[in-house]
Amino acid sequence: MGSTGAFIFSEEYTGLVSAPKVNAVDTTGAGDTFCGALTVMISERSKLEDAVSFANTAAAISVTRFGAQASIPTREEVLNFLK
C-alpha cells in the first residue's frame, strides 16, 4: 500500500498500520526493506502490529535515500525514528 502503510488481517489485529510521512527521493528497495524488517521482528516474536509498524518505518526511512542497499536503515535508526 506504499505510503499509506500496510493492512493487517489476522486473529491478533485487523486494521491499517500507517506509514510515517517522509519526502521520498527513491523508492528502490523499499519493499525489500519492509520485508526484511518485518521478518526480523516476527522472528523475534514481536506483536504483529508492532512488527509492521517497525517495517513501515524502515521502508519510510529507506525512500529518503538513494539506492537499494545503501538506503536500508539500521535498527538503531528505525528505533530512533519511532521515538
PDB file of N, CA and C in Angstrom:
ATOM      1  N   MET A   1       0.815  -1.196   0.000  1.00  0.00           N
ATOM      2  CA  MET A   1       0.000   0.000   0.000  1.00  0.00           C
ATOM      3  C   MET A   1       0.858   1.259   0.000  1.00  0.00           C
ATOM      4  N   GLY A   2       2.172   1.073  -0.116  1.00  0.00           N
ATOM      5  CA  GLY A   2       3.073   2.211  -0.271  1.00  0.00           C
ATOM      6  C   GLY A   2       3.017   3.192   0.884  1.00  0.00           C
ATOM      7  N   SER A   3       2.874   4.451   0.544  1.00  0.00           N
ATOM      8  CA  SER A   3       2.927   5.499   1.561  1.00  0.00           C
ATOM      9  C   SER A   3       1.731   5.475   2.513  1.00  0.00           C
ATOM     10  N   THR A   4       0.694   4.732   2.165  1.00  0.00           N
ATOM     11  CA  THR A   4      -0.475   4.621   3.043  1.00  0.00           C
ATOM     12  C   THR A   4      -0.156   3.778   4.271  1.00  0.00           C
ATOM     13  N   GLY A   5       0.679   2.770   4.099  1.00  0.00           N
ATOM     14  CA  GLY A   5       1.025   1.873   5.200  1.00  0.00           C
ATOM     15  C   GLY A   5       0.793   0.432   4.797  1.00  0.00           C
ATOM     16  N   ALA A   6       0.321  -0.368   5.747  1.00  0.00           N
ATOM     17  CA  ALA A   6       0.075  -1.787   5.487  1.00  0.00           C
ATOM     18  C   ALA A   6      -1.196  -2.205   6.217  1.00  0.00           C
ATOM     19  N   PHE A   7      -2.000  -3.021   5.567  1.00  0.00           N
ATOM     20  CA  PHE A   7      -3.226  -3.511   6.182  1.00  0.00           C
ATOM     21  C   PHE A   7      -2.976  -4.915   6.716  1.00  0.00           C
ATOM     22  N   ILE A   8      -3.352  -5.124   7.962  1.00  0.00           N
ATOM     23  CA  ILE A   8      -3.204  -6.436   8.601  1.00  0.00           C
ATOM     24  C   ILE A   8      -4.590  -7.033   8.797  1.00  0.00           C
ATOM     25  N   PHE A   9      -4.708  -8.306   8.474  1.00  0.00           N
ATOM     26  CA  PHE A   9      -5.935  -9.046   8.754  1.00  0.00           C
ATOM     27  C   PHE A   9      -5.514 -10.353   9.408  1.00  0.00           C
ATOM     28  N   SER A  10      -5.627 -10.413  10.718  1.00  0.00           N
ATOM     29  CA  SER A  10      -5.221 -11.617  11.441  1.00  0.00           C
ATOM     30  C   SER A  10      -6.066 -11.766  12.701  1.00  0.00           C
ATOM     31  N   GLU A  11      -5.867 -12.853  13.408  1.00  0.00           N
ATOM     32  CA  GLU A  11      -6.562 -13.057  14.677  1.00  0.00           C
ATOM     33  C   GLU A  11      -6.085 -12.051  15.716  1.00  0.00           C
ATOM     34  N   GLU A  12      -4.821 -11.651  15.637  1.00  0.00           N
ATOM     35  CA  GLU A  12      -4.229 -10.697  16.570  1.00  0.00           C
ATOM     36  C   GLU A  12      -4.748  -9.286  16.376  1.00  0.00           C
ATOM     37  N   TYR A  13      -4.807  -8.860  15.105  1.00  0.00           N
ATOM     38  CA  TYR A  13      -5.102  -7.466  14.802  1.00  0.00           C
ATOM     39  C   TYR A  13      -5.637  -7.357  13.384  1.00  0.00           C
ATOM     40  N   THR A  14      -6.626  -6.515  13.214  1.00  0.00           N
ATOM     41  CA  THR A  14      -7.124  -6.213  11.877  1.00  0.00           C
ATOM     42  C   THR A  14      -7.210  -4.698  11.748  1.00  0.00           C
ATOM     43  N   GLY A  15      -6.543  -4.164  10.760  1.00  0.00           N
ATOM     44  CA  GLY A  15      -6.606  -2.731  10.523  1.00  0.00           C
ATOM     45  C   GLY A  15      -5.387  -2.217   9.800  1.00  0.00           C
ATOM     46  N   LEU A  16      -5.432  -0.927   9.533  1.00  0.00           N
ATOM     47  CA  LEU A  16      -4.343  -0.255   8.836  1.00  0.00           C
ATOM     48  C   LEU A  16      -3.276   0.185   9.825  1.00  0.00           C
ATOM     49  N   VAL A  17      -2.037  -0.096   9.489  1.00  0.00           N
ATOM     50  CA  VAL A  17      -0.898   0.418  10.244  1.00  0.00           C
ATOM     51  C   VAL A  17      -0.281   1.479   9.336  1.00  0.00           C
ATOM     52  N   SER A  18      -0.449   2.723   9.721  1.00  0.00           N
ATOM     53  CA  SER A  18       0.003   3.838   8.886  1.00  0.00           C
ATOM     54  C   SER A  18       1.517   3.894   8.772  1.00  0.00           C
ATOM     55  N   ALA A  19       1.954   4.424   7.645  1.00  0.00           N
ATOM     56  CA  ALA A  19       3.384   4.658   7.432  1.00  0.00           C
ATOM     57  C   ALA A  19       3.703   6.106   7.773  1.00  0.00           C
ATOM     58  N   PRO A  20       4.897   6.364   8.280  1.00  0.00           N
ATOM     59  CA  PRO A  20       5.288   7.751   8.543  1.00  0.00           C
ATOM     60  C   PRO A  20       5.353   8.549   7.245  1.00  0.00           C
ATOM     61  N   LYS A  21       5.041   9.807   7.328  1.00  0.00           N
ATOM     62  CA  LYS A  21       5.122  10.692   6.159  1.00  0.00           C
ATOM     63  C   LYS A  21       6.555  11.197   6.030  1.00  0.00           C
ATOM     64  N   VAL A  22       7.140  10.992   4.865  1.00  0.00           N
ATOM     65  CA  VAL A  22       8.507  11.421   4.585  1.00  0.00           C
ATOM     66  C   VAL A  22       8.561  12.000   3.173  1.00  0.00           C
ATOM     67  N   ASN A  23       9.642  12.655   2.857  1.00  0.00           N
ATOM     68  CA  ASN A  23       9.875  13.144   1.497  1.00  0.00           C
ATOM     69  C   ASN A  23      10.668  12.088   0.738  1.00  0.00           C
ATOM     70  N   ALA A  24       9.987  11.346  -0.102  1.00  0.00           N
ATOM     71  CA  ALA A  24      10.623  10.261  -0.849  1.00  0.00           C
ATOM     72  C   ALA A  24      11.459  10.802  -1.995  1.00  0.00           C
ATOM     73  N   VAL A  25      12.658  10.225  -2.145  1.00  0.00           N
ATOM     74  CA  VAL A  25      13.528  10.592  -3.264  1.00  0.00           C
ATOM     75  C   VAL A  25      13.817   9.397  -4.168  1.00  0.00           C
ATOM     76  N   ASP A  26      13.686   8.178  -3.644  1.00  0.00           N
ATOM     77  CA  ASP A  26      13.973   6.971  -4.422  1.00  0.00           C
ATOM     78  C   ASP A  26      13.320   5.782  -3.718  1.00  0.00           C
ATOM     79  N   THR A  27      12.390   5.136  -4.398  1.00  0.00           N
ATOM     80  CA  THR A  27      11.675   4.017  -3.777  1.00  0.00           C
ATOM     81  C   THR A  27      12.348   2.660  -4.016  1.00  0.00           C
ATOM     82  N   THR A  28      13.496   2.676  -4.683  1.00  0.00           N
ATOM     83  CA  THR A  28      14.213   1.435  -4.943  1.00  0.00           C
ATOM     84  C   THR A  28      14.541   0.733  -3.626  1.00  0.00           C
ATOM     85  N   GLY A  29      14.119  -0.504  -3.498  1.00  0.00           N
ATOM     86  CA  GLY A  29      14.448  -1.298  -2.320  1.00  0.00           C
ATOM     87  C   GLY A  29      13.500  -1.132  -1.141  1.00  0.00           C
ATOM     88  N   ALA A  30      12.484  -0.288  -1.268  1.00  0.00           N
ATOM     89  CA  ALA A  30      11.576  -0.061  -0.141  1.00  0.00           C
ATOM     90  C   ALA A  30      10.820  -1.334   0.247  1.00  0.00           C
ATOM     91  N   GLY A  31      10.355  -2.069  -0.739  1.00  0.00           N
ATOM     92  CA  GLY A  31       9.640  -3.319  -0.468  1.00  0.00           C
ATOM     93  C   GLY A  31      10.539  -4.360   0.178  1.00  0.00           C
ATOM     94  N   ASP A  32      11.756  -4.462  -0.303  1.00  0.00           N
ATOM     95  CA  ASP A  32      12.720  -5.395   0.288  1.00  0.00           C
ATOM     96  C   ASP A  32      13.049  -5.003   1.717  1.00  0.00           C
ATOM     97  N   THR A  33      13.192  -3.695   1.949  1.00  0.00           N
ATOM     98  CA  THR A  33      13.470  -3.209   3.297  1.00  0.00           C
ATOM     99  C   THR A  33      12.304  -3.554   4.223  1.00  0.00           C
ATOM    100  N   PHE A  34      11.075  -3.315   3.755  1.00  0.00           N
ATOM    101  CA  PHE A  34       9.888  -3.652   4.543  1.00  0.00           C
ATOM    102  C   PHE A  34       9.884  -5.141   4.891  1.00  0.00           C
ATOM    103  N   CYS A  35      10.064  -5.985   3.890  1.00  0.00           N
ATOM    104  CA  CYS A  35      10.011  -7.441   4.115  1.00  0.00           C
ATOM    105  C   CYS A  35      11.104  -7.913   5.059  1.00  0.00           C
ATOM    106  N   GLY A  36      12.305  -7.391   4.903  1.00  0.00           N
ATOM    107  CA  GLY A  36      13.405  -7.774   5.783  1.00  0.00           C
ATOM    108  C   GLY A  36      13.164  -7.345   7.214  1.00  0.00           C
ATOM    109  N   ALA A  37      12.710  -6.109   7.402  1.00  0.00           N
ATOM    110  CA  ALA A  37      12.440  -5.606   8.754  1.00  0.00           C
ATOM    111  C   ALA A  37      11.296  -6.378   9.401  1.00  0.00           C
ATOM    112  N   LEU A  38      10.260  -6.668   8.626  1.00  0.00           N
ATOM    113  CA  LEU A  38       9.125  -7.434   9.149  1.00  0.00           C
ATOM    114  C   LEU A  38       9.565  -8.833   9.567  1.00  0.00           C
ATOM    115  N   THR A  39      10.373  -9.462   8.747  1.00  0.00           N
ATOM    116  CA  THR A  39      10.861 -10.810   9.051  1.00  0.00           C
ATOM    117  C   THR A  39      11.675 -10.834  10.336  1.00  0.00           C
ATOM    118  N   VAL A  40      12.548  -9.860  10.503  1.00  0.00           N
ATOM    119  CA  VAL A  40      13.361  -9.779  11.721  1.00  0.00           C
ATOM    120  C   VAL A  40      12.461  -9.660  12.946  1.00  0.00           C
ATOM    121  N   MET A  41      11.505  -8.745  12.889  1.00  0.00           N
ATOM    122  CA  MET A  41      10.652  -8.507  14.051  1.00  0.00           C
ATOM    123  C   MET A  41       9.760  -9.706  14.371  1.00  0.00           C
ATOM    124  N   ILE A  42       9.245 -10.365  13.339  1.00  0.00           N
ATOM    125  CA  ILE A  42       8.433 -11.564  13.570  1.00  0.00           C
ATOM    126  C   ILE A  42       9.291 -12.679  14.156  1.00  0.00           C
ATOM    127  N   SER A  43      10.523 -12.817  13.661  1.00  0.00           N
ATOM    128  CA  SER A  43      11.412 -13.869  14.181  1.00  0.00           C
ATOM    129  C   SER A  43      11.784 -13.620  15.638  1.00  0.00           C
ATOM    130  N   GLU A  44      11.694 -12.351  16.051  1.00  0.00           N
ATOM    131  CA  GLU A  44      11.972 -12.007  17.444  1.00  0.00           C
ATOM    132  C   GLU A  44      10.699 -12.010  18.295  1.00  0.00           C
ATOM    133  N   ARG A  45       9.626 -12.511  17.711  1.00  0.00           N
ATOM    134  CA  ARG A  45       8.340 -12.696  18.394  1.00  0.00           C
ATOM    135  C   ARG A  45       7.653 -11.399  18.814  1.00  0.00           C
ATOM    136  N   SER A  46       7.846 -10.349  18.034  1.00  0.00           N
ATOM    137  CA  SER A  46       7.142  -9.093  18.276  1.00  0.00           C
ATOM    138  C   SER A  46       5.668  -9.269  17.928  1.00  0.00           C
ATOM    139  N   LYS A  47       4.822  -8.465  18.548  1.00  0.00           N
ATOM    140  CA  LYS A  47       3.420  -8.449  18.152  1.00  0.00           C
ATOM    141  C   LYS A  47       3.356  -8.022  16.695  1.00  0.00           C
ATOM    142  N   LEU A  48       2.416  -8.582  15.951  1.00  0.00           N
ATOM    143  CA  LEU A  48       2.324  -8.318  14.517  1.00  0.00           C
ATOM    144  C   LEU A  48       2.173  -6.824  14.221  1.00  0.00           C
ATOM    145  N   GLU A  49       1.335  -6.130  14.961  1.00  0.00           N
ATOM    146  CA  GLU A  49       1.146  -4.697  14.732  1.00  0.00           C
ATOM    147  C   GLU A  49       2.454  -3.927  14.949  1.00  0.00           C
ATOM    148  N   ASP A  50       3.209  -4.295  15.971  1.00  0.00           N
ATOM    149  CA  ASP A  50       4.492  -3.642  16.235  1.00  0.00           C
ATOM    150  C   ASP A  50       5.508  -3.963  15.141  1.00  0.00           C
ATOM    151  N   ALA A  51       5.495  -5.204  14.679  1.00  0.00           N
ATOM    152  CA  ALA A  51       6.416  -5.616  13.613  1.00  0.00           C
ATOM    153  C   ALA A  51       6.136  -4.849  12.326  1.00  0.00           C
ATOM    154  N   VAL A  52       4.870  -4.677  11.994  1.00  0.00           N
ATOM    155  CA  VAL A  52       4.503  -3.952  10.778  1.00  0.00           C
ATOM    156  C   VAL A  52       4.838  -2.467  10.923  1.00  0.00           C
ATOM    157  N   SER A  53       4.626  -1.910  12.086  1.00  0.00           N
ATOM    158  CA  SER A  53       4.990  -0.515  12.323  1.00  0.00           C
ATOM    159  C   SER A  53       6.490  -0.312  12.135  1.00  0.00           C
ATOM    160  N   PHE A  54       7.287  -1.219  12.674  1.00  0.00           N
ATOM    161  CA  PHE A  54       8.733  -1.168  12.526  1.00  0.00           C
ATOM    162  C   PHE A  54       9.115  -1.264  11.043  1.00  0.00           C
ATOM    163  N   ALA A  55       8.492  -2.199  10.333  1.00  0.00           N
ATOM    164  CA  ALA A  55       8.788  -2.395   8.912  1.00  0.00           C
ATOM    165  C   ALA A  55       8.372  -1.182   8.085  1.00  0.00           C
ATOM    166  N   ASN A  56       7.207  -0.607   8.383  1.00  0.00           N
ATOM    167  CA  ASN A  56       6.776   0.613   7.691  1.00  0.00           C
ATOM    168  C   ASN A  56       7.795   1.730   7.885  1.00  0.00           C
ATOM    169  N   THR A  57       8.279   1.858   9.098  1.00  0.00           N
ATOM    170  CA  THR A  57       9.236   2.917   9.410  1.00  0.00           C
ATOM    171  C   THR A  57      10.565   2.679   8.697  1.00  0.00           C
ATOM    172  N   ALA A  58      11.025   1.440   8.686  1.00  0.00           N
ATOM    173  CA  ALA A  58      12.270   1.121   7.979  1.00  0.00           C
ATOM    174  C   ALA A  58      12.139   1.458   6.498  1.00  0.00           C
ATOM    175  N   ALA A  59      11.020   1.077   5.896  1.00  0.00           N
ATOM    176  CA  ALA A  59      10.804   1.369   4.474  1.00  0.00           C
ATOM    177  C   ALA A  59      10.698   2.876   4.234  1.00  0.00           C
ATOM    178  N   ALA A  60      10.034   3.575   5.140  1.00  0.00           N
ATOM    179  CA  ALA A  60       9.902   5.030   5.001  1.00  0.00           C
ATOM    180  C   ALA A  60      11.269   5.710   5.040  1.00  0.00           C
ATOM    181  N   ILE A  61      12.109   5.283   5.943  1.00  0.00           N
ATOM    182  CA  ILE A  61      13.457   5.849   6.001  1.00  0.00           C
ATOM    183  C   ILE A  61      14.209   5.549   4.712  1.00  0.00           C
ATOM    184  N   SER A  62      14.056   4.332   4.207  1.00  0.00           N
ATOM    185  CA  SER A  62      14.814   3.930   3.012  1.00  0.00           C
ATOM    186  C   SER A  62      14.477   4.787   1.795  1.00  0.00           C
ATOM    187  N   VAL A  63      13.239   5.249   1.679  1.00  0.00           N
ATOM    188  CA  VAL A  63      12.876   6.028   0.491  1.00  0.00           C
ATOM    189  C   VAL A  63      13.376   7.467   0.556  1.00  0.00           C
ATOM    190  N   THR A  64      13.940   7.849   1.682  1.00  0.00           N
ATOM    191  CA  THR A  64      14.523   9.197   1.798  1.00  0.00           C
ATOM    192  C   THR A  64      15.974   9.223   1.325  1.00  0.00           C
ATOM    193  N   ARG A  65      16.466   8.088   0.878  1.00  0.00           N
ATOM    194  CA  ARG A  65      17.862   7.939   0.437  1.00  0.00           C
ATOM    195  C   ARG A  65      17.901   7.323  -0.947  1.00  0.00           C
ATOM    196  N   PHE A  66      19.007   7.502  -1.628  1.00  0.00           N
ATOM    197  CA  PHE A  66      19.166   6.924  -2.963  1.00  0.00           C
ATOM    198  C   PHE A  66      19.775   5.527  -2.876  1.00  0.00           C
ATOM    199  N   GLY A  67      19.363   4.672  -3.804  1.00  0.00           N
ATOM    200  CA  GLY A  67      19.926   3.340  -3.912  1.00  0.00           C
ATOM    201  C   GLY A  67      19.095   2.295  -3.199  1.00  0.00           C
ATOM    202  N   ALA A  68      19.580   1.073  -3.272  1.00  0.00           N
ATOM    203  CA  ALA A  68      18.877  -0.044  -2.633  1.00  0.00           C
ATOM    204  C   ALA A  68      19.561  -0.401  -1.320  1.00  0.00           C
ATOM    205  N   GLN A  69      20.681  -1.088  -1.398  1.00  0.00           N
ATOM    206  CA  GLN A  69      21.380  -1.498  -0.174  1.00  0.00           C
ATOM    207  C   GLN A  69      21.794  -0.310   0.676  1.00  0.00           C
ATOM    208  N   ALA A  70      22.253   0.728   0.041  1.00  0.00           N
ATOM    209  CA  ALA A  70      22.736   1.906   0.772  1.00  0.00           C
ATOM    210  C   ALA A  70      21.612   2.640   1.504  1.00  0.00           C
ATOM    211  N   SER A  71      20.375   2.402   1.116  1.00  0.00           N
ATOM    212  CA  SER A  71      19.255   3.124   1.731  1.00  0.00           C
ATOM    213  C   SER A  71      18.656   2.405   2.942  1.00  0.00           C
ATOM    214  N   ILE A  72      19.049   1.170   3.162  1.00  0.00           N
ATOM    215  CA  ILE A  72      18.460   0.387   4.266  1.00  0.00           C
ATOM    216  C   ILE A  72      18.964   0.933   5.604  1.00  0.00           C
ATOM    217  N   PRO A  73      18.030   1.322   6.485  1.00  0.00           N
ATOM    218  CA  PRO A  73      18.443   1.882   7.777  1.00  0.00           C
ATOM    219  C   PRO A  73      18.871   0.790   8.756  1.00  0.00           C
ATOM    220  N   THR A  74      19.642   1.191   9.736  1.00  0.00           N
ATOM    221  CA  THR A  74      19.990   0.271  10.819  1.00  0.00           C
ATOM    222  C   THR A  74      18.817   0.174  11.781  1.00  0.00           C
ATOM    223  N   ARG A  75      18.843  -0.822  12.625  1.00  0.00           N
ATOM    224  CA  ARG A  75      17.813  -0.972  13.653  1.00  0.00           C
ATOM    225  C   ARG A  75      17.769   0.279  14.528  1.00  0.00           C
ATOM    226  N   GLU A  76      18.941   0.768  14.892  1.00  0.00           N
ATOM    227  CA  GLU A  76      19.019   1.954  15.745  1.00  0.00           C
ATOM    228  C   GLU A  76      18.342   3.151  15.083  1.00  0.00           C
ATOM    229  N   GLU A  77      18.555   3.335  13.787  1.00  0.00           N
ATOM    230  CA  GLU A  77      17.913   4.440  13.076  1.00  0.00           C
ATOM    231  C   GLU A  77      16.388   4.317  13.121  1.00  0.00           C
ATOM    232  N   VAL A  78      15.893   3.102  12.927  1.00  0.00           N
ATOM    233  CA  VAL A  78      14.441   2.886  12.944  1.00  0.00           C
ATOM    234  C   VAL A  78      13.896   3.161  14.345  1.00  0.00           C
ATOM    235  N   LEU A  79      14.562   2.627  15.363  1.00  0.00           N
ATOM    236  CA  LEU A  79      14.093   2.834  16.738  1.00  0.00           C
ATOM    237  C   LEU A  79      14.130   4.307  17.109  1.00  0.00           C
ATOM    238  N   ASN A  80      15.156   5.030  16.700  1.00  0.00           N
ATOM    239  CA  ASN A  80      15.235   6.473  16.976  1.00  0.00           C
ATOM    240  C   ASN A  80      14.113   7.226  16.276  1.00  0.00           C
ATOM    241  N   PHE A  81      13.790   6.836  15.045  1.00  0.00           N
ATOM    242  CA  PHE A  81      12.709   7.472  14.301  1.00  0.00           C
ATOM    243  C   PHE A  81      11.373   7.232  14.999  1.00  0.00           C
ATOM    244  N   LEU A  82      11.193   6.040  15.540  1.00  0.00           N
ATOM    245  CA  LEU A  82       9.933   5.689  16.214  1.00  0.00           C
ATOM    246  C   LEU A  82       9.731   6.432  17.528  1.00  0.00           C
ATOM    247  N   LYS A  83      10.817   6.952  18.118  1.00  0.00           N
ATOM    248  CA  LYS A  83      10.705   7.679  19.399  1.00  0.00           C
ATOM    249  C   LYS A  83      10.036   8.946  19.224  1.00  0.00           C
TER     250      LYS A  83
END
